[in-house]
Amino acid sequence: MKCVSLVLTLAVAAGLSAQVASAQTLKTVKDRGMLSCGVGPGLPGFSSPDDKGNWTGLDVDVCRGIAAAIFNDPTKVKFVPLSAKDRFTALQSGEIDLLSRNTTWTLSRDTSLGANFTGVTYYDGQGFIVKKSLKVNSALELNSASVCVQTGTTTEQNLADYFKGNNMKYEVIAFGTADEAVKAYESGRCDVFTTDVSGLYAERLKLANPADHAVLPEVISKEPLGPMVRHGDDQWFDIVKWTLFAMVNAEELGITQKNADEMAKSDKPEMKRAVGTDGNFGEQLGLTKDWLLRIVKAVGNYGESFDRNVGAGSKLNISRGLNNLWNKGGIQFAPPIR
């Protein structure tokens, strides 16, 4: 019995020490009074500032949702614009609390960077954009093409795999930033520019004559984009992960920015758990009972954020496709709140 008692005591002690260690990032953010969020330096629909420095985008909404859950104030975020080259170092060093920057979830990134992906904000895939004047209708017609790419991304390997797999030759013209690559493409230094399809639609808006350019139909890779946090802080990992899940679950339940207060009065069991009138799910995360309502009131549910930033209500006008809810033909799916 003494051995069992000792084992239990040690287990409890280990559990308590883990809980203390796990609260570090949340405490740091609260003490600072501000969330530090790494984002892209300017990709319309995902993370871009206006001329007054106000940031908007799908990735930005994740950060604002977390700030709303913690502070009940979505403005308590410091946005740190990061290049593809610098994004992981900023997370590893502690300069930012999370990275929410159109970053592809891969095995190597999940295991070698000291970080964890927390979910998928946008299911994407790599594609190509060309000038309509080239009269190219398929990526399979790009043999011997010169291709502009951004270094430090997954696009280079995907590009190599695609051309090799289709026995085609190509020339890579690489640049340190997406802006440099796009400018080179527009000026005629290369025949085609490649990145995630969502990025192609966003970058096309920046061109002098967007209508002169076409996104080709082929999607040559899987690019699940999502936020990242550092290894070693499970509570923070859960908070970031469940902020995204809250947005997805809210859309499925029909909770919107406009009706959030009304939905809080619902008697439906699933709704009561979500809005915090039944159970202590918010407290289990280290947040308040109304954590989900705070998020939705600040940035809307996932569908509202998608439509406003990249979907039908935006200049990008990208169809939901794979990013629709699982029960509406897509693969966006969040675990239940219970």
C-alpha atoms as a PDB file:
ATOM      1  CA  MET A   1       0.000   0.000   0.000  1.00  0.00           C
ATOM      2  CA  LYS A   2       2.878   2.374   0.799  1.00  0.00           C
ATOM      3  CA  CYS A   3       4.269   1.865  -2.713  1.00  0.00           C
ATOM      4  CA  VAL A   4       0.890   2.608  -4.256  1.00  0.00           C
ATOM      5  CA  SER A   5       0.546   5.693  -2.041  1.00  0.00           C
ATOM      6  CA  LEU A   6       4.024   6.890  -3.039  1.00  0.00           C
ATOM      7  CA  VAL A   7       3.294   6.376  -6.727  1.00  0.00           C
ATOM      8  CA  LEU A   8       0.052   8.318  -6.392  1.00  0.00           C
ATOM      9  CA  THR A   9       1.798  11.113  -4.506  1.00  0.00           C
ATOM     10  CA  LEU A  10       4.506  11.361  -7.155  1.00  0.00           C
ATOM     11  CA  ALA A  11       1.894  11.301  -9.933  1.00  0.00           C
ATOM     12  CA  VAL A  12      -0.072  14.099  -8.281  1.00  0.00           C
ATOM     13  CA  ALA A  13       3.101  16.109  -7.740  1.00  0.00           C
ATOM     14  CA  ALA A  14       4.129  15.595 -11.359  1.00  0.00           C
ATOM     15  CA  GLY A  15       0.674  16.634 -12.505  1.00  0.00           C
ATOM     16  CA  LEU A  16       0.765  19.787 -10.405  1.00  0.00           C
ATOM     17  CA  SER A  17       4.249  20.725 -11.615  1.00  0.00           C
ATOM     18  CA  ALA A  18       3.127  20.153 -15.210  1.00  0.00           C
ATOM     19  CA  GLN A  19       0.140  22.434 -14.630  1.00  0.00           C
ATOM     20  CA  VAL A  20       2.400  25.144 -13.219  1.00  0.00           C
ATOM     21  CA  ALA A  21       4.795  24.854 -16.159  1.00  0.00           C
ATOM     22  CA  SER A  22       1.973  24.773 -18.677  1.00  0.00           C
ATOM     23  CA  ALA A  23       0.552  28.111 -17.557  1.00  0.00           C
ATOM     24  CA  GLN A  24       3.705  30.029 -18.475  1.00  0.00           C
ATOM     25  CA  THR A  25       2.693  31.529 -21.833  1.00  0.00           C
ATOM     26  CA  LEU A  26      -0.803  32.487 -20.732  1.00  0.00           C
ATOM     27  CA  LYS A  27       0.630  34.172 -17.628  1.00  0.00           C
ATOM     28  CA  THR A  28       3.238  35.978 -19.728  1.00  0.00           C
ATOM     29  CA  VAL A  29       0.558  37.266 -22.098  1.00  0.00           C
ATOM     30  CA  LYS A  30      -1.696  38.370 -19.222  1.00  0.00           C
ATOM     31  CA  ASP A  31       1.161  40.088 -17.383  1.00  0.00           C
ATOM     32  CA  ARG A  32       2.175  41.869 -20.583  1.00  0.00           C
ATOM     33  CA  GLY A  33      -1.431  42.839 -21.260  1.00  0.00           C
ATOM     34  CA  MET A  34      -0.971  42.079 -24.929  1.00  0.00           C
ATOM     35  CA  LEU A  35      -0.732  39.101 -27.286  1.00  0.00           C
ATOM     36  CA  SER A  36       2.280  39.046 -29.623  1.00  0.00           C
ATOM     37  CA  CYS A  37       1.262  37.423 -32.892  1.00  0.00           C
ATOM     38  CA  GLY A  38       3.517  36.700 -35.862  1.00  0.00           C
ATOM     39  CA  VAL A  39       1.796  37.266 -39.224  1.00  0.00           C
ATOM     40  CA  GLY A  40       2.632  37.635 -42.901  1.00  0.00           C
ATOM     41  CA  PRO A  41       4.005  41.026 -43.945  1.00  0.00           C
ATOM     42  CA  GLY A  42       1.121  41.735 -46.303  1.00  0.00           C
ATOM     43  CA  LEU A  43      -1.041  39.078 -47.948  1.00  0.00           C
ATOM     44  CA  PRO A  44      -4.579  40.328 -48.703  1.00  0.00           C
ATOM     45  CA  GLY A  45      -7.231  38.159 -47.131  1.00  0.00           C
ATOM     46  CA  PHE A  46      -4.868  36.567 -44.625  1.00  0.00           C
ATOM     47  CA  SER A  47      -2.805  39.311 -42.974  1.00  0.00           C
ATOM     48  CA  SER A  48      -2.397  42.818 -44.288  1.00  0.00           C
ATOM     49  CA  PRO A  49      -2.353  46.303 -42.727  1.00  0.00           C
ATOM     50  CA  ASP A  50      -4.187  49.326 -44.117  1.00  0.00           C
ATOM     51  CA  ASP A  51      -2.589  52.770 -44.401  1.00  0.00           C
ATOM     52  CA  LYS A  52      -3.407  53.395 -40.738  1.00  0.00           C
ATOM     53  CA  GLY A  53      -1.742  50.198 -39.554  1.00  0.00           C
ATOM     54  CA  ASN A  54      -4.986  48.300 -38.880  1.00  0.00           C
ATOM     55  CA  TRP A  55      -4.496  44.599 -39.603  1.00  0.00           C
ATOM     56  CA  THR A  56      -7.177  42.377 -41.160  1.00  0.00           C
ATOM     57  CA  GLY A  57      -7.317  38.843 -42.538  1.00  0.00           C
ATOM     58  CA  LEU A  58      -8.150  35.247 -41.741  1.00  0.00           C
ATOM     59  CA  ASP A  59      -4.846  34.714 -39.898  1.00  0.00           C
ATOM     60  CA  VAL A  60      -5.311  38.017 -38.094  1.00  0.00           C
ATOM     61  CA  ASP A  61      -8.768  36.955 -36.888  1.00  0.00           C
ATOM     62  CA  VAL A  62      -7.258  33.944 -35.128  1.00  0.00           C
ATOM     63  CA  CYS A  63      -4.990  36.281 -33.158  1.00  0.00           C
ATOM     64  CA  ARG A  64      -7.836  38.681 -32.376  1.00  0.00           C
ATOM     65  CA  GLY A  65     -10.004  35.738 -31.291  1.00  0.00           C
ATOM     66  CA  ILE A  66      -7.361  34.607 -28.808  1.00  0.00           C
ATOM     67  CA  ALA A  67      -7.027  38.141 -27.430  1.00  0.00           C
ATOM     68  CA  ALA A  68     -10.816  38.314 -27.074  1.00  0.00           C
ATOM     69  CA  ALA A  69     -10.873  34.982 -25.222  1.00  0.00           C
ATOM     70  CA  ILE A  70      -8.158  36.131 -22.790  1.00  0.00           C
ATOM     71  CA  PHE A  71      -8.829  39.865 -22.365  1.00  0.00           C
ATOM     72  CA  ASN A  72     -12.360  40.255 -23.773  1.00  0.00           C
ATOM     73  CA  ASP A  73     -10.678  42.783 -26.072  1.00  0.00           C
ATOM     74  CA  PRO A  74      -9.656  41.803 -29.628  1.00  0.00           C
ATOM     75  CA  THR A  75      -7.481  44.908 -29.991  1.00  0.00           C
ATOM     76  CA  LYS A  76      -4.938  43.728 -27.420  1.00  0.00           C
ATOM     77  CA  VAL A  77      -2.679  42.215 -30.080  1.00  0.00           C
ATOM     78  CA  LYS A  78       0.731  43.322 -31.291  1.00  0.00           C
ATOM     79  CA  PHE A  79       1.096  42.116 -34.870  1.00  0.00           C
ATOM     80  CA  VAL A  80       4.667  41.253 -35.846  1.00  0.00           C
ATOM     81  CA  PRO A  81       5.112  41.007 -39.649  1.00  0.00           C
ATOM     82  CA  LEU A  82       7.532  38.205 -40.508  1.00  0.00           C
ATOM     83  CA  SER A  83       9.145  36.968 -43.714  1.00  0.00           C
ATOM     84  CA  ALA A  84       9.113  33.268 -44.584  1.00  0.00           C
ATOM     85  CA  LYS A  85      12.780  33.154 -43.599  1.00  0.00           C
ATOM     86  CA  ASP A  86      12.343  34.732 -40.153  1.00  0.00           C
ATOM     87  CA  ARG A  87       8.986  33.311 -39.030  1.00  0.00           C
ATOM     88  CA  PHE A  88      10.192  30.157 -37.250  1.00  0.00           C
ATOM     89  CA  THR A  89      13.119  31.859 -35.491  1.00  0.00           C
ATOM     90  CA  ALA A  90      10.760  34.492 -34.077  1.00  0.00           C
ATOM     91  CA  LEU A  91       8.573  31.759 -32.585  1.00  0.00           C
ATOM     92  CA  GLN A  92      11.489  29.722 -31.238  1.00  0.00           C
ATOM     93  CA  SER A  93      13.104  32.765 -29.602  1.00  0.00           C
ATOM     94  CA  GLY A  94       9.912  33.835 -27.826  1.00  0.00           C
ATOM     95  CA  GLU A  95       9.610  37.088 -29.771  1.00  0.00           C
ATOM     96  CA  ILE A  96       6.024  36.047 -30.577  1.00  0.00           C
ATOM     97  CA  ASP A  97       3.503  33.957 -28.639  1.00  0.00           C
ATOM     98  CA  LEU A  98       2.202  32.235 -31.754  1.00  0.00           C
ATOM     99  CA  LEU A  99       2.705  32.235 -35.497  1.00  0.00           C
ATOM    100  CA  SER A 100      -0.476  32.739 -37.520  1.00  0.00           C
ATOM    101  CA  ARG A 101       0.952  33.205 -40.973  1.00  0.00           C
ATOM    102  CA  ASN A 102      -0.188  31.091 -43.977  1.00  0.00           C
ATOM    103  CA  THR A 103       2.269  28.347 -42.954  1.00  0.00           C
ATOM    104  CA  THR A 104       1.966  24.787 -44.252  1.00  0.00           C
ATOM    105  CA  TRP A 105       1.716  21.934 -41.754  1.00  0.00           C
ATOM    106  CA  THR A 106       4.280  19.268 -42.672  1.00  0.00           C
ATOM    107  CA  LEU A 107       5.899  16.400 -40.776  1.00  0.00           C
ATOM    108  CA  SER A 108       9.360  17.978 -40.758  1.00  0.00           C
ATOM    109  CA  ARG A 109       8.059  21.304 -39.483  1.00  0.00           C
ATOM    110  CA  ASP A 110       6.036  19.519 -36.813  1.00  0.00           C
ATOM    111  CA  THR A 111       9.078  17.631 -35.538  1.00  0.00           C
ATOM    112  CA  SER A 112      12.224  19.675 -36.183  1.00  0.00           C
ATOM    113  CA  LEU A 113      11.328  23.253 -35.240  1.00  0.00           C
ATOM    114  CA  GLY A 114      10.422  22.838 -31.582  1.00  0.00           C
ATOM    115  CA  ALA A 115       6.858  23.832 -32.404  1.00  0.00           C
ATOM    116  CA  ASN A 116       3.368  22.387 -32.820  1.00  0.00           C
ATOM    117  CA  PHE A 117       0.682  23.154 -35.379  1.00  0.00           C
ATOM    118  CA  THR A 118      -2.630  23.740 -33.637  1.00  0.00           C
ATOM    119  CA  GLY A 119      -5.091  23.122 -36.472  1.00  0.00           C
ATOM    120  CA  VAL A 120      -5.934  24.127 -40.031  1.00  0.00           C
ATOM    121  CA  THR A 121      -7.327  27.586 -40.715  1.00  0.00           C
ATOM    122  CA  TYR A 122      -7.279  27.093 -44.481  1.00  0.00           C
ATOM    123  CA  TYR A 123      -6.958  23.980 -46.639  1.00  0.00           C
ATOM    124  CA  ASP A 124      -4.913  25.050 -49.637  1.00  0.00           C
ATOM    125  CA  GLY A 125      -2.756  23.687 -52.434  1.00  0.00           C
ATOM    126  CA  GLN A 126       0.003  25.037 -54.651  1.00  0.00           C
ATOM    127  CA  GLY A 127      -0.832  26.412 -58.083  1.00  0.00           C
ATOM    128  CA  PHE A 128       0.435  28.635 -60.888  1.00  0.00           C
ATOM    129  CA  ILE A 129      -0.427  32.033 -62.324  1.00  0.00           C
ATOM    130  CA  VAL A 130       0.479  33.095 -65.865  1.00  0.00           C
ATOM    131  CA  LYS A 131      -0.145  36.006 -68.185  1.00  0.00           C
ATOM    132  CA  LYS A 132      -3.143  35.307 -70.405  1.00  0.00           C
ATOM    133  CA  SER A 133      -1.094  36.513 -73.373  1.00  0.00           C
ATOM    134  CA  LEU A 134       0.984  33.306 -73.147  1.00  0.00           C
ATOM    135  CA  LYS A 135      -2.173  31.337 -74.021  1.00  0.00           C
ATOM    136  CA  VAL A 136      -1.339  28.609 -71.490  1.00  0.00           C
ATOM    137  CA  ASN A 137      -4.374  26.734 -70.157  1.00  0.00           C
ATOM    138  CA  SER A 138      -2.719  24.002 -68.100  1.00  0.00           C
ATOM    139  CA  ALA A 139       0.358  23.572 -65.932  1.00  0.00           C
ATOM    140  CA  LEU A 140       1.216  20.594 -68.121  1.00  0.00           C
ATOM    141  CA  GLU A 141       1.967  23.109 -70.877  1.00  0.00           C
ATOM    142  CA  LEU A 142       4.779  24.726 -68.850  1.00  0.00           C
ATOM    143  CA  ASN A 143       7.667  22.605 -70.138  1.00  0.00           C
ATOM    144  CA  SER A 144      10.880  24.693 -70.237  1.00  0.00           C
ATOM    145  CA  ALA A 145       9.176  27.585 -68.433  1.00  0.00           C
ATOM    146  CA  SER A 146      10.990  29.924 -66.069  1.00  0.00           C
ATOM    147  CA  VAL A 147       9.289  29.972 -62.660  1.00  0.00           C
ATOM    148  CA  CYS A 148       9.469  32.654 -59.970  1.00  0.00           C
ATOM    149  CA  VAL A 149       9.324  31.279 -56.402  1.00  0.00           C
ATOM    150  CA  GLN A 150       9.887  32.501 -52.871  1.00  0.00           C
ATOM    151  CA  THR A 151      12.690  30.793 -50.962  1.00  0.00           C
ATOM    152  CA  GLY A 152      12.190  29.331 -47.486  1.00  0.00           C
ATOM    153  CA  THR A 153       8.779  27.879 -48.378  1.00  0.00           C
ATOM    154  CA  THR A 154       7.390  24.481 -49.371  1.00  0.00           C
ATOM    155  CA  THR A 155       6.848  25.682 -52.950  1.00  0.00           C
ATOM    156  CA  GLU A 156      10.332  24.881 -54.220  1.00  0.00           C
ATOM    157  CA  GLN A 157      10.169  21.166 -53.373  1.00  0.00           C
ATOM    158  CA  ASN A 158       6.594  20.880 -54.651  1.00  0.00           C
ATOM    159  CA  LEU A 159       7.659  22.562 -57.885  1.00  0.00           C
ATOM    160  CA  ALA A 160      10.570  20.152 -58.340  1.00  0.00           C
ATOM    161  CA  ASP A 161       8.354  17.141 -57.616  1.00  0.00           C
ATOM    162  CA  TYR A 162       5.685  18.245 -60.085  1.00  0.00           C
ATOM    163  CA  PHE A 163       7.999  18.959 -63.008  1.00  0.00           C
ATOM    164  CA  LYS A 164      10.072  15.823 -62.421  1.00  0.00           C
ATOM    165  CA  GLY A 165       6.932  13.709 -62.090  1.00  0.00           C
ATOM    166  CA  ASN A 166       5.683  15.008 -65.438  1.00  0.00           C
ATOM    167  CA  ASN A 167       9.088  14.789 -67.191  1.00  0.00           C
ATOM    168  CA  MET A 168       9.209  18.539 -67.789  1.00  0.00           C
ATOM    169  CA  LYS A 169      12.142  20.938 -67.636  1.00  0.00           C
ATOM    170  CA  TYR A 170      12.027  24.321 -65.909  1.00  0.00           C
ATOM    171  CA  GLU A 171      14.199  27.133 -64.610  1.00  0.00           C
ATOM    172  CA  VAL A 172      13.831  28.411 -61.052  1.00  0.00           C
ATOM    173  CA  ILE A 173      14.239  32.118 -60.349  1.00  0.00           C
ATOM    174  CA  ALA A 174      14.161  32.446 -56.561  1.00  0.00           C
ATOM    175  CA  PHE A 175      13.585  35.482 -54.359  1.00  0.00           C
ATOM    176  CA  GLY A 176      13.679  36.140 -50.633  1.00  0.00           C
ATOM    177  CA  THR A 177      10.189  37.640 -50.431  1.00  0.00           C
ATOM    178  CA  ALA A 178       6.870  37.119 -52.182  1.00  0.00           C
ATOM    179  CA  ASP A 179       6.801  40.788 -53.225  1.00  0.00           C
ATOM    180  CA  GLU A 180      10.122  40.426 -55.033  1.00  0.00           C
ATOM    181  CA  ALA A 181       8.972  37.246 -56.768  1.00  0.00           C
ATOM    182  CA  VAL A 182       5.678  38.801 -57.880  1.00  0.00           C
ATOM    183  CA  LYS A 183       7.382  41.960 -59.174  1.00  0.00           C
ATOM    184  CA  ALA A 184       9.825  39.832 -61.150  1.00  0.00           C
ATOM    185  CA  TYR A 185       6.951  37.840 -62.620  1.00  0.00           C
ATOM    186  CA  GLU A 186       5.028  40.989 -63.555  1.00  0.00           C
ATOM    187  CA  SER A 187       8.079  42.541 -65.186  1.00  0.00           C
ATOM    188  CA  GLY A 188       8.608  39.475 -67.374  1.00  0.00           C
ATOM    189  CA  ARG A 189      11.695  37.979 -65.705  1.00  0.00           C
ATOM    190  CA  CYS A 190       9.847  34.661 -65.533  1.00  0.00           C
ATOM    191  CA  ASP A 191       6.925  33.026 -67.321  1.00  0.00           C
ATOM    192  CA  VAL A 192       4.997  31.918 -64.275  1.00  0.00           C
ATOM    193  CA  PHE A 193       4.728  32.524 -60.524  1.00  0.00           C
ATOM    194  CA  THR A 194       3.892  29.716 -58.121  1.00  0.00           C
ATOM    195  CA  THR A 195       2.643  29.658 -54.532  1.00  0.00           C
ATOM    196  CA  ASP A 196      -0.477  28.475 -52.668  1.00  0.00           C
ATOM    197  CA  VAL A 197      -3.626  29.079 -54.716  1.00  0.00           C
ATOM    198  CA  SER A 198      -5.026  31.430 -52.069  1.00  0.00           C
ATOM    199  CA  GLY A 199      -1.804  33.415 -52.307  1.00  0.00           C
ATOM    200  CA  LEU A 200      -2.104  33.598 -56.088  1.00  0.00           C
ATOM    201  CA  TYR A 201      -5.536  35.217 -55.795  1.00  0.00           C
ATOM    202  CA  ALA A 202      -4.199  37.612 -53.157  1.00  0.00           C
ATOM    203  CA  GLU A 203      -1.064  38.536 -55.096  1.00  0.00           C
ATOM    204  CA  ARG A 204      -3.051  39.006 -58.318  1.00  0.00           C
ATOM    205  CA  LEU A 205      -4.898  41.901 -56.654  1.00  0.00           C
ATOM    206  CA  LYS A 206      -1.576  43.754 -56.386  1.00  0.00           C
ATOM    207  CA  LEU A 207      -0.812  43.540 -60.121  1.00  0.00           C
ATOM    208  CA  ALA A 208      -1.330  46.589 -62.342  1.00  0.00           C
ATOM    209  CA  ASN A 209      -3.894  44.718 -64.475  1.00  0.00           C
ATOM    210  CA  PRO A 210      -5.200  41.694 -62.516  1.00  0.00           C
ATOM    211  CA  ALA A 211      -7.549  40.672 -65.355  1.00  0.00           C
ATOM    212  CA  ASP A 212      -4.532  40.030 -67.615  1.00  0.00           C
ATOM    213  CA  HIS A 213      -3.443  37.083 -65.451  1.00  0.00           C
ATOM    214  CA  ALA A 214      -4.975  33.623 -64.997  1.00  0.00           C
ATOM    215  CA  VAL A 215      -4.652  31.070 -62.207  1.00  0.00           C
ATOM    216  CA  LEU A 216      -4.212  27.679 -63.860  1.00  0.00           C
ATOM    217  CA  PRO A 217      -6.583  24.851 -62.822  1.00  0.00           C
ATOM    218  CA  GLU A 218      -3.980  22.407 -61.487  1.00  0.00           C
ATOM    219  CA  VAL A 219      -3.429  22.127 -57.731  1.00  0.00           C
ATOM    220  CA  ILE A 220      -0.163  20.239 -57.277  1.00  0.00           C
ATOM    221  CA  SER A 221       0.121  19.760 -53.523  1.00  0.00           C
ATOM    222  CA  LYS A 222      -1.607  19.607 -50.138  1.00  0.00           C
ATOM    223  CA  GLU A 223      -1.046  22.806 -48.160  1.00  0.00           C
ATOM    224  CA  PRO A 224      -2.920  22.761 -44.827  1.00  0.00           C
ATOM    225  CA  LEU A 225      -2.232  26.207 -43.378  1.00  0.00           C
ATOM    226  CA  GLY A 226      -2.470  26.828 -39.653  1.00  0.00           C
ATOM    227  CA  PRO A 227      -1.109  28.500 -36.499  1.00  0.00           C
ATOM    228  CA  MET A 228       1.967  27.296 -34.636  1.00  0.00           C
ATOM    229  CA  VAL A 229       3.037  27.468 -30.992  1.00  0.00           C
ATOM    230  CA  ARG A 230       6.211  26.423 -29.192  1.00  0.00           C
ATOM    231  CA  HIS A 231       6.649  22.946 -27.767  1.00  0.00           C
ATOM    232  CA  GLY A 232       6.316  22.517 -24.018  1.00  0.00           C
ATOM    233  CA  ASP A 233       3.220  24.520 -23.097  1.00  0.00           C
ATOM    234  CA  ASP A 234       0.166  22.318 -23.420  1.00  0.00           C
ATOM    235  CA  GLN A 235      -2.251  24.848 -21.979  1.00  0.00           C
ATOM    236  CA  TRP A 236      -1.258  27.484 -24.536  1.00  0.00           C
ATOM    237  CA  PHE A 237      -1.413  24.863 -27.281  1.00  0.00           C
ATOM    238  CA  ASP A 238      -4.992  24.076 -26.165  1.00  0.00           C
ATOM    239  CA  ILE A 239      -6.040  27.747 -26.059  1.00  0.00           C
ATOM    240  CA  VAL A 240      -4.818  28.485 -29.592  1.00  0.00           C
ATOM    241  CA  LYS A 241      -6.231  25.215 -30.911  1.00  0.00           C
ATOM    242  CA  TRP A 242      -9.644  25.669 -29.300  1.00  0.00           C
ATOM    243  CA  THR A 243      -9.946  29.275 -30.445  1.00  0.00           C
ATOM    244  CA  LEU A 244     -10.021  27.970 -34.008  1.00  0.00           C
ATOM    245  CA  PHE A 245     -12.288  25.078 -32.983  1.00  0.00           C
ATOM    246  CA  ALA A 246     -14.619  27.561 -31.285  1.00  0.00           C
ATOM    247  CA  MET A 247     -15.013  29.483 -34.531  1.00  0.00           C
ATOM    248  CA  VAL A 248     -15.751  26.301 -36.497  1.00  0.00           C
ATOM    249  CA  ASN A 249     -18.163  24.914 -33.877  1.00  0.00           C
ATOM    250  CA  ALA A 250     -19.925  28.273 -33.677  1.00  0.00           C
ATOM    251  CA  GLU A 251     -20.601  28.210 -37.417  1.00  0.00           C
ATOM    252  CA  GLU A 252     -21.957  24.669 -37.165  1.00  0.00           C
ATOM    253  CA  LEU A 253     -24.234  25.690 -34.267  1.00  0.00           C
ATOM    254  CA  GLY A 254     -25.394  28.853 -36.028  1.00  0.00           C
ATOM    255  CA  ILE A 255     -23.824  31.269 -33.532  1.00  0.00           C
ATOM    256  CA  THR A 256     -22.906  34.556 -35.256  1.00  0.00           C
ATOM    257  CA  GLN A 257     -21.629  37.973 -34.239  1.00  0.00           C
ATOM    258  CA  LYS A 258     -25.156  39.367 -34.402  1.00  0.00           C
ATOM    259  CA  ASN A 259     -27.047  36.615 -32.566  1.00  0.00           C
ATOM    260  CA  ALA A 260     -24.404  35.596 -29.984  1.00  0.00           C
ATOM    261  CA  ASP A 261     -26.222  37.186 -27.029  1.00  0.00           C
ATOM    262  CA  GLU A 262     -29.518  35.619 -28.072  1.00  0.00           C
ATOM    263  CA  MET A 263     -27.911  32.189 -28.474  1.00  0.00           C
ATOM    264  CA  ALA A 264     -26.559  32.505 -24.933  1.00  0.00           C
ATOM    265  CA  LYS A 265     -30.157  32.076 -23.724  1.00  0.00           C
ATOM    266  CA  SER A 266     -30.653  28.753 -25.531  1.00  0.00           C
ATOM    267  CA  ASP A 267     -31.814  25.656 -23.638  1.00  0.00           C
ATOM    268  CA  LYS A 268     -30.294  23.192 -26.095  1.00  0.00           C
ATOM    269  CA  PRO A 269     -27.638  21.052 -24.325  1.00  0.00           C
ATOM    270  CA  GLU A 270     -24.983  21.417 -27.057  1.00  0.00           C
ATOM    271  CA  MET A 271     -25.552  25.166 -27.233  1.00  0.00           C
ATOM    272  CA  LYS A 272     -25.399  25.579 -23.448  1.00  0.00           C
ATOM    273  CA  ARG A 273     -22.004  23.851 -23.328  1.00  0.00           C
ATOM    274  CA  ALA A 274     -20.701  26.091 -26.105  1.00  0.00           C
ATOM    275  CA  VAL A 275     -21.901  29.395 -24.648  1.00  0.00           C
ATOM    276  CA  GLY A 276     -20.808  28.511 -21.126  1.00  0.00           C
ATOM    277  CA  THR A 277     -24.123  28.180 -19.303  1.00  0.00           C
ATOM    278  CA  ASP A 278     -23.493  24.458 -18.664  1.00  0.00           C
ATOM    279  CA  GLY A 279     -20.176  22.986 -17.551  1.00  0.00           C
ATOM    280  CA  ASN A 280     -16.776  24.531 -16.922  1.00  0.00           C
ATOM    281  CA  PHE A 281     -15.136  24.052 -20.306  1.00  0.00           C
ATOM    282  CA  GLY A 282     -13.757  27.592 -20.454  1.00  0.00           C
ATOM    283  CA  GLU A 283     -12.182  27.213 -17.028  1.00  0.00           C
ATOM    284  CA  GLN A 284     -10.530  23.966 -18.153  1.00  0.00           C
ATOM    285  CA  LEU A 285      -8.681  26.024 -20.752  1.00  0.00           C
ATOM    286  CA  GLY A 286      -7.724  28.679 -18.212  1.00  0.00           C
ATOM    287  CA  LEU A 287     -10.323  31.059 -19.657  1.00  0.00           C
ATOM    288  CA  THR A 288     -13.804  32.251 -18.674  1.00  0.00           C
ATOM    289  CA  LYS A 289     -17.151  30.500 -19.125  1.00  0.00           C
ATOM    290  CA  ASP A 290     -18.100  32.786 -22.003  1.00  0.00           C
ATOM    291  CA  TRP A 291     -14.822  32.245 -23.884  1.00  0.00           C
ATOM    292  CA  LEU A 292     -16.520  31.099 -27.107  1.00  0.00           C
ATOM    293  CA  LEU A 293     -18.974  33.995 -27.079  1.00  0.00           C
ATOM    294  CA  ARG A 294     -16.092  36.436 -26.608  1.00  0.00           C
ATOM    295  CA  ILE A 295     -14.364  35.012 -29.679  1.00  0.00           C
ATOM    296  CA  VAL A 296     -17.463  35.046 -31.894  1.00  0.00           C
ATOM    297  CA  LYS A 297     -18.500  38.560 -30.840  1.00  0.00           C
ATOM    298  CA  ALA A 298     -15.001  39.781 -31.722  1.00  0.00           C
ATOM    299  CA  VAL A 299     -14.351  38.097 -35.092  1.00  0.00           C
ATOM    300  CA  GLY A 300     -17.442  36.068 -35.974  1.00  0.00           C
ATOM    301  CA  ASN A 301     -17.654  32.342 -36.555  1.00  0.00           C
ATOM    302  CA  TYR A 302     -15.321  30.627 -39.031  1.00  0.00           C
ATOM    303  CA  GLY A 303     -17.699  31.105 -41.957  1.00  0.00           C
ATOM    304  CA  GLU A 304     -18.119  34.812 -41.220  1.00  0.00           C
ATOM    305  CA  SER A 305     -14.357  35.290 -41.011  1.00  0.00           C
ATOM    306  CA  PHE A 306     -13.800  33.316 -44.220  1.00  0.00           C
ATOM    307  CA  ASP A 307     -16.440  35.207 -46.207  1.00  0.00           C
ATOM    308  CA  ARG A 308     -15.307  38.621 -44.979  1.00  0.00           C
ATOM    309  CA  ASN A 309     -11.606  38.052 -45.627  1.00  0.00           C
ATOM    310  CA  VAL A 310     -11.208  35.676 -48.560  1.00  0.00           C
ATOM    311  CA  GLY A 311     -14.688  34.535 -49.630  1.00  0.00           C
ATOM    312  CA  ALA A 312     -17.740  35.987 -51.320  1.00  0.00           C
ATOM    313  CA  GLY A 313     -17.651  39.176 -49.230  1.00  0.00           C
ATOM    314  CA  SER A 314     -14.047  39.971 -50.177  1.00  0.00           C
ATOM    315  CA  LYS A 315     -12.154  41.112 -53.264  1.00  0.00           C
ATOM    316  CA  LEU A 316     -10.568  37.662 -53.521  1.00  0.00           C
ATOM    317  CA  ASN A 317     -13.980  35.976 -53.867  1.00  0.00           C
ATOM    318  CA  ILE A 318     -12.561  32.480 -53.278  1.00  0.00           C
ATOM    319  CA  SER A 319     -15.165  29.702 -53.036  1.00  0.00           C
ATOM    320  CA  ARG A 320     -15.338  27.785 -49.746  1.00  0.00           C
ATOM    321  CA  GLY A 321     -14.512  24.455 -51.412  1.00  0.00           C
ATOM    322  CA  LEU A 322     -12.612  22.205 -49.021  1.00  0.00           C
ATOM    323  CA  ASN A 323     -12.925  24.882 -46.351  1.00  0.00           C
ATOM    324  CA  ASN A 324     -16.668  24.409 -46.086  1.00  0.00           C
ATOM    325  CA  LEU A 325     -17.982  22.612 -43.003  1.00  0.00           C
ATOM    326  CA  TRP A 326     -17.884  18.814 -43.037  1.00  0.00           C
ATOM    327  CA  ASN A 327     -21.687  18.682 -43.263  1.00  0.00           C
ATOM    328  CA  LYS A 328     -21.742  21.052 -46.242  1.00  0.00           C
ATOM    329  CA  GLY A 329     -19.349  19.257 -48.560  1.00  0.00           C
ATOM    330  CA  GLY A 330     -16.045  20.479 -47.111  1.00  0.00           C
ATOM    331  CA  ILE A 331     -13.556  19.073 -44.609  1.00  0.00           C
ATOM    332  CA  GLN A 332     -13.548  21.787 -41.917  1.00  0.00           C
ATOM    333  CA  PHE A 333     -14.327  19.874 -38.749  1.00  0.00           C
ATOM    334  CA  ALA A 334     -13.878  20.676 -35.073  1.00  0.00           C
ATOM    335  CA  PRO A 335     -14.031  18.287 -32.120  1.00  0.00           C
ATOM    336  CA  PRO A 336     -17.143  18.778 -29.946  1.00  0.00           C
ATOM    337  CA  ILE A 337     -17.289  20.892 -26.809  1.00  0.00           C
ATOM    338  CA  ARG A 338     -18.191  18.321 -24.186  1.00  0.00           C
END
